[in-house]
Protein backbone atom coordinates (compact mmCIF):
# COMPACT_ATOMS: atom_id res chain seq x y z
CA MET A 1 -103.76 66.05 -12.75
CA LYS A 2 -104.13 69.29 -13.24
CA LEU A 3 -100.93 71.80 -13.90
CA PRO A 4 -100.51 74.87 -11.76
CA LYS A 5 -102.01 78.36 -13.39
CA GLY A 6 -99.73 78.97 -16.36
CA PHE A 7 -98.66 75.24 -17.05
CA GLY A 8 -101.21 75.56 -19.47
CA ASN A 9 -99.17 75.68 -22.70
CA MET A 10 -96.45 74.18 -22.11
CA GLY A 11 -96.65 71.59 -24.40
CA SER A 12 -97.32 73.87 -26.92
CA LEU A 13 -94.00 75.60 -25.24
CA TYR A 14 -92.54 72.10 -25.42
CA LYS A 15 -92.89 71.82 -29.58
CA GLN A 16 -91.26 75.27 -30.52
CA ALA A 17 -88.78 75.03 -28.39
CA GLN A 18 -88.41 71.02 -29.93
CA ALA A 19 -88.63 72.40 -33.64
CA ALA A 20 -86.23 75.11 -32.67
CA MET A 21 -83.70 72.89 -31.95
CA GLU A 22 -83.57 70.69 -35.04
CA ARG A 23 -83.58 73.94 -36.84
CA ALA A 24 -80.91 75.48 -34.73
CA ASN A 25 -79.05 71.76 -35.57
CA SER A 26 -79.37 72.33 -39.77
CA LEU A 27 -78.20 75.48 -39.64
CA GLN A 28 -74.76 74.30 -38.77
CA GLU A 29 -74.70 72.90 -41.51
CA GLU A 30 -76.11 76.16 -43.92
CA LEU A 31 -73.96 78.28 -41.74
CA LYS A 32 -71.00 76.07 -43.75
CA LEU A 33 -72.17 77.13 -46.82
CA GLU A 34 -72.35 81.09 -46.16
CA THR A 35 -69.02 82.82 -45.56
CA VAL A 36 -68.56 86.51 -44.95
CA GLU A 37 -65.74 88.47 -46.64
CA VAL A 38 -63.17 91.70 -44.93
CA GLU A 39 -60.99 93.82 -46.66
CA ASN A 40 -58.30 95.97 -43.63
CA SER A 41 -56.19 97.21 -45.46
CA GLY A 42 -55.57 95.22 -48.10
CA VAL A 43 -55.47 91.77 -46.01
CA LYS A 44 -58.56 90.15 -47.79
CA VAL A 45 -59.79 87.61 -45.10
CA LYS A 46 -62.82 84.65 -46.09
CA TYR A 47 -64.81 82.90 -42.87
CA ASN A 48 -68.03 81.30 -43.18
CA GLY A 49 -70.59 81.43 -40.89
CA VAL A 50 -69.29 79.19 -38.79
CA GLY A 51 -66.10 81.11 -38.13
CA GLU A 52 -63.86 78.49 -39.49
CA ILE A 53 -61.44 80.27 -41.82
CA LEU A 54 -61.62 79.77 -45.72
CA SER A 55 -59.01 82.29 -47.07
CA ILE A 56 -56.14 84.89 -46.87
CA VAL A 57 -54.75 86.75 -48.88
CA VAL A 58 -51.89 89.41 -48.13
CA PRO A 59 -51.21 91.75 -51.30
CA LYS A 60 -47.32 91.44 -52.57
CA GLU A 61 -46.39 94.87 -51.45
CA LEU A 62 -47.65 94.42 -48.21
CA ALA A 63 -44.93 91.98 -47.30
CA ASN A 64 -42.29 94.43 -46.69
CA PRO A 65 -39.64 92.84 -44.41
CA ASP A 66 -38.35 95.68 -43.12
CA ASP A 67 -42.19 96.45 -41.80
CA VAL A 68 -43.16 93.22 -40.78
CA GLU A 69 -45.31 95.09 -37.65
CA SER A 70 -47.56 96.82 -40.11
CA LEU A 71 -48.01 94.05 -41.55
CA GLU A 72 -49.25 91.81 -38.73
CA ASP A 73 -51.45 94.35 -37.59
CA ALA A 74 -52.45 93.95 -40.88
CA ILE A 75 -54.04 90.56 -40.61
CA LEU A 76 -55.01 90.63 -37.09
CA LEU A 77 -57.23 93.23 -37.39
CA ALA A 78 -58.15 91.56 -41.16
CA LEU A 79 -58.78 88.35 -38.81
CA ARG A 80 -61.09 90.06 -35.98
CA ASP A 81 -62.97 91.92 -37.79
CA GLY A 82 -63.78 88.61 -40.28
CA TYR A 83 -64.99 86.74 -36.97
CA ALA A 84 -66.91 89.21 -35.33
CA LYS A 85 -69.36 89.39 -38.94
CA SER A 86 -69.06 85.88 -38.99
CA LEU A 87 -69.97 85.55 -35.58
CA GLU A 88 -73.22 88.26 -36.38
CA LEU A 89 -74.12 86.22 -39.14
CA ARG A 90 -75.18 83.12 -36.69
CA GLU A 91 -76.36 84.95 -34.07
CA THR A 92 -78.99 86.96 -36.53
CA ARG A 93 -80.04 83.55 -37.55
CA MET A 94 -79.90 81.89 -34.56
CA ARG A 95 -82.58 84.64 -33.38
CA GLU A 96 -84.46 84.09 -36.83
CA ILE A 97 -84.83 80.59 -35.08
CA ALA A 98 -85.27 81.26 -31.93
CA GLY A 99 -87.76 84.31 -32.98
CA GLY A 100 -91.33 84.83 -30.32
CA LEU A 101 -89.66 81.67 -28.06
CA ASN A 102 -88.06 83.98 -25.30
CA LEU A 103 -84.75 82.42 -24.38
CA PRO A 104 -82.31 83.50 -22.64
CA GLY A 105 -79.67 83.65 -24.97
CA PHE A 106 -81.82 85.30 -28.34
C-alpha cells in the first residue's frame, strides 16, 4: 500500500518519538538526583528536578514571634522561587530530548 503524499517519513518520526519517550522516562529518574537551591530573605530551600522539596532552612533571627508575617512571606517567596526554578530545569531537559521533533509543549 502506498502512503499518501507527505506521510513517507512517519516511520522515522515514530522512531524518534519513541526514543524521546524512553529518554523522558529515564530523565525523570535523573531529575530526582539533581538539585536546585534558592535563598530569599535568608530562607534557603532545596528542591530536586521534579519539584519535590528536599529541605528548608530558616535562620533563627527570622523566627521573631512579634513578626510572624515576615517569616511566612520569606518562606512563601523562597518556596515559589525554588519551585519555578525546578520546573525550569525540567522544561530545559525535556526540550533537549524533544529537540527537532516539533512536538507540542516543547
